[in-house]
C-alpha atoms as a PDB file:
ATOM      1  CA  UNK A   1      -4.356  13.029  -0.158  1.00  0.00           C
ATOM      2  CA  UNK A   2      -3.855  14.871  -3.438  1.00  0.00           C
ATOM      3  CA  UNK A   3      -4.350  18.715  -3.722  1.00  0.00           C
ATOM      4  CA  UNK A   4      -4.199  18.527  -7.319  1.00  0.00           C
ATOM      5  CA  UNK A   5      -6.997  17.518  -9.473  1.00  0.00           C
ATOM      6  CA  UNK A   6      -6.783  14.019 -11.010  1.00  0.00           C
ATOM      7  CA  UNK A   7      -8.799  13.676 -14.175  1.00  0.00           C
ATOM      8  CA  UNK A   8     -11.587  11.034 -13.952  1.00  0.00           C
ATOM      9  CA  UNK A   9     -10.167   8.951 -16.974  1.00  0.00           C
ATOM     10  CA  UNK A  10      -6.762   8.716 -15.357  1.00  0.00           C
ATOM     11  CA  UNK A  11      -8.509   7.769 -12.017  1.00  0.00           C
ATOM     12  CA  UNK A  12     -10.474   5.127 -13.632  1.00  0.00           C
ATOM     13  CA  UNK A  13      -7.046   3.856 -15.557  1.00  0.00           C
ATOM     14  CA  UNK A  14      -5.037   3.628 -12.289  1.00  0.00           C
ATOM     15  CA  UNK A  15      -7.942   1.955 -10.384  1.00  0.00           C
ATOM     16  CA  UNK A  16      -8.163  -0.650 -13.036  1.00  0.00           C
ATOM     17  CA  UNK A  17      -4.339  -1.207 -12.877  1.00  0.00           C
ATOM     18  CA  UNK A  18      -4.492  -1.506  -9.124  1.00  0.00           C
ATOM     19  CA  UNK A  19      -7.162  -4.147  -9.327  1.00  0.00           C
ATOM     20  CA  UNK A  20      -9.207  -1.849  -7.135  1.00  0.00           C
ATOM     21  CA  UNK A  21      -7.084  -2.745  -4.131  1.00  0.00           C
ATOM     22  CA  UNK A  22      -4.562  -0.959  -1.926  1.00  0.00           C
ATOM     23  CA  UNK A  23      -0.998  -1.155  -3.438  1.00  0.00           C
ATOM     24  CA  UNK A  24       0.543  -1.492  -0.009  1.00  0.00           C
ATOM     25  CA  UNK A  25      -1.796  -3.818   2.053  1.00  0.00           C
ATOM     26  CA  UNK A  26      -3.662  -5.285  -0.930  1.00  0.00           C
ATOM     27  CA  UNK A  27      -7.053  -4.644   0.768  1.00  0.00           C
ATOM     28  CA  UNK A  28      -9.662  -4.499  -2.019  1.00  0.00           C
ATOM     29  CA  UNK A  29     -12.100  -1.634  -1.885  1.00  0.00           C
ATOM     30  CA  UNK A  30     -15.072  -3.943  -1.751  1.00  0.00           C
ATOM     31  CA  UNK A  31     -13.970  -5.491   1.529  1.00  0.00           C
ATOM     32  CA  UNK A  32     -13.442  -2.076   3.253  1.00  0.00           C
ATOM     33  CA  UNK A  33     -16.726  -0.631   1.729  1.00  0.00           C
ATOM     34  CA  UNK A  34     -15.224   2.815   1.206  1.00  0.00           C
ATOM     35  CA  UNK A  35     -13.339   4.500  -1.689  1.00  0.00           C
ATOM     36  CA  UNK A  36      -9.544   4.130  -1.860  1.00  0.00           C
ATOM     37  CA  UNK A  37      -7.584   7.329  -2.531  1.00  0.00           C
ATOM     38  CA  UNK A  38      -4.641   8.158  -4.977  1.00  0.00           C
ATOM     39  CA  UNK A  39      -1.156   8.237  -3.650  1.00  0.00           C
ATOM     40  CA  UNK A  40       1.554  10.411  -5.029  1.00  0.00           C
ATOM     41  CA  UNK A  41       4.327   7.792  -4.713  1.00  0.00           C
ATOM     42  CA  UNK A  42       6.831  10.599  -4.584  1.00  0.00           C
ATOM     43  CA  UNK A  43       4.570  13.143  -2.760  1.00  0.00           C
ATOM     44  CA  UNK A  44       3.494  16.581  -4.044  1.00  0.00           C
ATOM     45  CA  UNK A  45       5.110  18.008  -0.911  1.00  0.00           C
ATOM     46  CA  UNK A  46       8.396  16.508  -2.181  1.00  0.00           C
ATOM     47  CA  UNK A  47       7.859  17.747  -5.636  1.00  0.00           C
ATOM     48  CA  UNK A  48       6.018  14.544  -7.038  1.00  0.00           C
ATOM     49  CA  UNK A  49       3.990  15.241 -10.094  1.00  0.00           C
ATOM     50  CA  UNK A  50       0.199  14.260 -10.668  1.00  0.00           C
ATOM     51  CA  UNK A  51       1.112  11.864 -13.550  1.00  0.00           C
ATOM     52  CA  UNK A  52       0.214   8.401 -14.310  1.00  0.00           C
ATOM     53  CA  UNK A  53       3.550   7.085 -13.292  1.00  0.00           C
ATOM     54  CA  UNK A  54       3.645   8.885  -9.875  1.00  0.00           C
ATOM     55  CA  UNK A  55       0.089   7.799  -8.816  1.00  0.00           C
ATOM     56  CA  UNK A  56      -1.408   4.542  -7.351  1.00  0.00           C
ATOM     57  CA  UNK A  57      -4.504   3.388  -5.564  1.00  0.00           C
ATOM     58  CA  UNK A  58      -4.285   3.183  -1.823  1.00  0.00           C
ATOM     59  CA  UNK A  59      -6.328   2.755   1.342  1.00  0.00           C
ATOM     60  CA  UNK A  60      -6.843   5.645   3.564  1.00  0.00           C
ATOM     61  CA  UNK A  61      -4.866   3.997   6.293  1.00  0.00           C
ATOM     62  CA  UNK A  62      -1.747   3.309   4.313  1.00  0.00           C
ATOM     63  CA  UNK A  63      -2.010   6.749   2.879  1.00  0.00           C
ATOM     64  CA  UNK A  64      -2.225   8.400   6.138  1.00  0.00           C
ATOM     65  CA  UNK A  65       0.808   6.366   7.510  1.00  0.00           C
ATOM     66  CA  UNK A  66       2.900   7.009   4.451  1.00  0.00           C
ATOM     67  CA  UNK A  67       2.246  10.849   4.530  1.00  0.00           C
ATOM     68  CA  UNK A  68       5.249  12.699   2.635  1.00  0.00           C
ATOM     69  CA  UNK A  69       7.692   9.718   3.361  1.00  0.00           C
ATOM     70  CA  UNK A  70       9.852   8.256   0.544  1.00  0.00           C
ATOM     71  CA  UNK A  71      11.983   6.370   2.819  1.00  0.00           C
ATOM     72  CA  UNK A  72      12.250   4.627   6.298  1.00  0.00           C
ATOM     73  CA  UNK A  73      14.605   2.522   8.394  1.00  0.00           C
ATOM     74  CA  UNK A  74      14.734  -1.093   8.231  1.00  0.00           C
ATOM     75  CA  UNK A  75      14.442  -2.580  11.663  1.00  0.00           C
ATOM     76  CA  UNK A  76      16.814  -5.277  11.079  1.00  0.00           C
ATOM     77  CA  UNK A  77      19.747  -3.327   9.658  1.00  0.00           C
ATOM     78  CA  UNK A  78      18.840   0.240  10.646  1.00  0.00           C
ATOM     79  CA  UNK A  79      19.587   1.323   7.208  1.00  0.00           C
ATOM     80  CA  UNK A  80      17.389   4.055   5.644  1.00  0.00           C
ATOM     81  CA  UNK A  81      15.973   2.683   2.387  1.00  0.00           C
ATOM     82  CA  UNK A  82      13.198   3.775  -0.135  1.00  0.00           C
ATOM     83  CA  UNK A  83       9.737   2.676   0.483  1.00  0.00           C
ATOM     84  CA  UNK A  84       8.052  -0.036  -1.605  1.00  0.00           C
ATOM     85  CA  UNK A  85       6.667   1.416  -4.922  1.00  0.00           C
ATOM     86  CA  UNK A  86       3.608  -0.325  -5.833  1.00  0.00           C
ATOM     87  CA  UNK A  87       3.673   1.050  -9.389  1.00  0.00           C
ATOM     88  CA  UNK A  88       7.093  -0.271 -10.229  1.00  0.00           C
ATOM     89  CA  UNK A  89       7.567  -3.381  -8.031  1.00  0.00           C
ATOM     90  CA  UNK A  90       5.842  -6.610  -7.619  1.00  0.00           C
ATOM     91  CA  UNK A  91       4.180  -7.239  -4.124  1.00  0.00           C
ATOM     92  CA  UNK A  92       4.830 -10.967  -4.169  1.00  0.00           C
ATOM     93  CA  UNK A  93       8.571 -10.570  -4.917  1.00  0.00           C
ATOM     94  CA  UNK A  94       8.910  -8.418  -1.924  1.00  0.00           C
ATOM     95  CA  UNK A  95       6.249  -9.443   0.619  1.00  0.00           C
ATOM     96  CA  UNK A  96       4.579 -12.547   1.641  1.00  0.00           C
ATOM     97  CA  UNK A  97       1.555 -13.329   3.911  1.00  0.00           C
ATOM     98  CA  UNK A  98       2.100 -14.984   7.341  1.00  0.00           C
ATOM     99  CA  UNK A  99       0.780 -18.559   7.705  1.00  0.00           C
ATOM    100  CA  UNK A 100      -2.481 -17.255   9.212  1.00  0.00           C
ATOM    101  CA  UNK A 101      -2.889 -14.830   6.195  1.00  0.00           C
ATOM    102  CA  UNK A 102      -3.185 -11.988   8.469  1.00  0.00           C
ATOM    103  CA  UNK A 103       0.133 -10.204   8.696  1.00  0.00           C
ATOM    104  CA  UNK A 104       2.376  -9.091   5.701  1.00  0.00           C
ATOM    105  CA  UNK A 105       6.080  -9.954   5.989  1.00  0.00           C
ATOM    106  CA  UNK A 106       8.830  -7.963   4.293  1.00  0.00           C
ATOM    107  CA  UNK A 107      11.285 -10.056   2.627  1.00  0.00           C
ATOM    108  CA  UNK A 108      13.789  -7.276   1.978  1.00  0.00           C
ATOM    109  CA  UNK A 109      15.131  -4.225   3.709  1.00  0.00           C
ATOM    110  CA  UNK A 110      12.795  -2.136   1.705  1.00  0.00           C
ATOM    111  CA  UNK A 111       9.912  -4.144   2.410  1.00  0.00           C
ATOM    112  CA  UNK A 112      10.565  -4.453   6.128  1.00  0.00           C
ATOM    113  CA  UNK A 113      10.909  -0.896   6.294  1.00  0.00           C
ATOM    114  CA  UNK A 114       7.664  -0.230   4.595  1.00  0.00           C
ATOM    115  CA  UNK A 115       5.818  -2.809   6.593  1.00  0.00           C
ATOM    116  CA  UNK A 116       6.867  -0.716   9.909  1.00  0.00           C
ATOM    117  CA  UNK A 117       6.574   2.749   8.214  1.00  0.00           C
ATOM    118  CA  UNK A 118       3.042   2.206   6.900  1.00  0.00           C
ATOM    119  CA  UNK A 119       2.198   0.036  10.000  1.00  0.00           C
ATOM    120  CA  UNK A 120       0.637  -2.486   7.889  1.00  0.00           C
ATOM    121  CA  UNK A 121       0.321  -4.983  10.560  1.00  0.00           C
ATOM    122  CA  UNK A 122      -1.445  -2.776  12.956  1.00  0.00           C
ATOM    123  CA  UNK A 123      -3.834  -4.438  15.487  1.00  0.00           C
ATOM    124  CA  UNK A 124      -6.943  -3.195  13.707  1.00  0.00           C
ATOM    125  CA  UNK A 125      -5.745  -4.386  10.378  1.00  0.00           C
ATOM    126  CA  UNK A 126      -4.650  -7.858  11.483  1.00  0.00           C
ATOM    127  CA  UNK A 127      -8.000  -8.186  13.209  1.00  0.00           C
ATOM    128  CA  UNK A 128      -9.889  -7.378  10.111  1.00  0.00           C
ATOM    129  CA  UNK A 129      -7.840  -9.753   8.076  1.00  0.00           C
ATOM    130  CA  UNK A 130      -8.637 -12.615  10.520  1.00  0.00           C
ATOM    131  CA  UNK A 131     -12.250 -12.034   9.724  1.00  0.00           C
ATOM    132  CA  UNK A 132     -11.598 -11.719   6.107  1.00  0.00           C
ATOM    133  CA  UNK A 133      -9.600 -15.038   6.131  1.00  0.00           C
ATOM    134  CA  UNK A 134     -12.682 -16.813   7.958  1.00  0.00           C
ATOM    135  CA  UNK A 135     -14.797 -15.491   5.299  1.00  0.00           C
ATOM    136  CA  UNK A 136     -12.765 -16.852   2.461  1.00  0.00           C
ATOM    137  CA  UNK A 137     -11.885 -13.269   1.085  1.00  0.00           C
ATOM    138  CA  UNK A 138      -8.220 -13.110   2.187  1.00  0.00           C
ATOM    139  CA  UNK A 139      -5.255 -13.233   1.709  1.00  0.00           C
ATOM    140  CA  UNK A 140      -5.776 -12.000  -1.865  1.00  0.00           C
ATOM    141  CA  UNK A 141      -4.455 -13.774  -4.815  1.00  0.00           C
ATOM    142  CA  UNK A 142      -1.851 -11.725  -6.909  1.00  0.00           C
END
């Protein structure tokens, strides 16, 4: 979570751009019932600035797993690659949902590494998504 103050108008602008959902797992704020947080894509700990181009809205779970990371290892190739950038890259180009709509599948090395590093398919999230699918709230439309 940011140690630097983010002005209210900038918060509103980013939340609107992000459609009030997590940039990594696409979970909408209304489903989880708690505020999303602002992620520094390049973390402050690595010199990232608190500016619009370096901020995006994410859920607390993804933010905690991301931490100060900017890269991770692709589980298929072992190659170290940058993490997915929700501000600059399109989710649907790089990820897809499993047939059941509960798991996120990375389509490239960067996306596979992001799925593993941020634990996007952890047991709790997959279980919650299964309930959301039953309720007709998931998977979200892009």
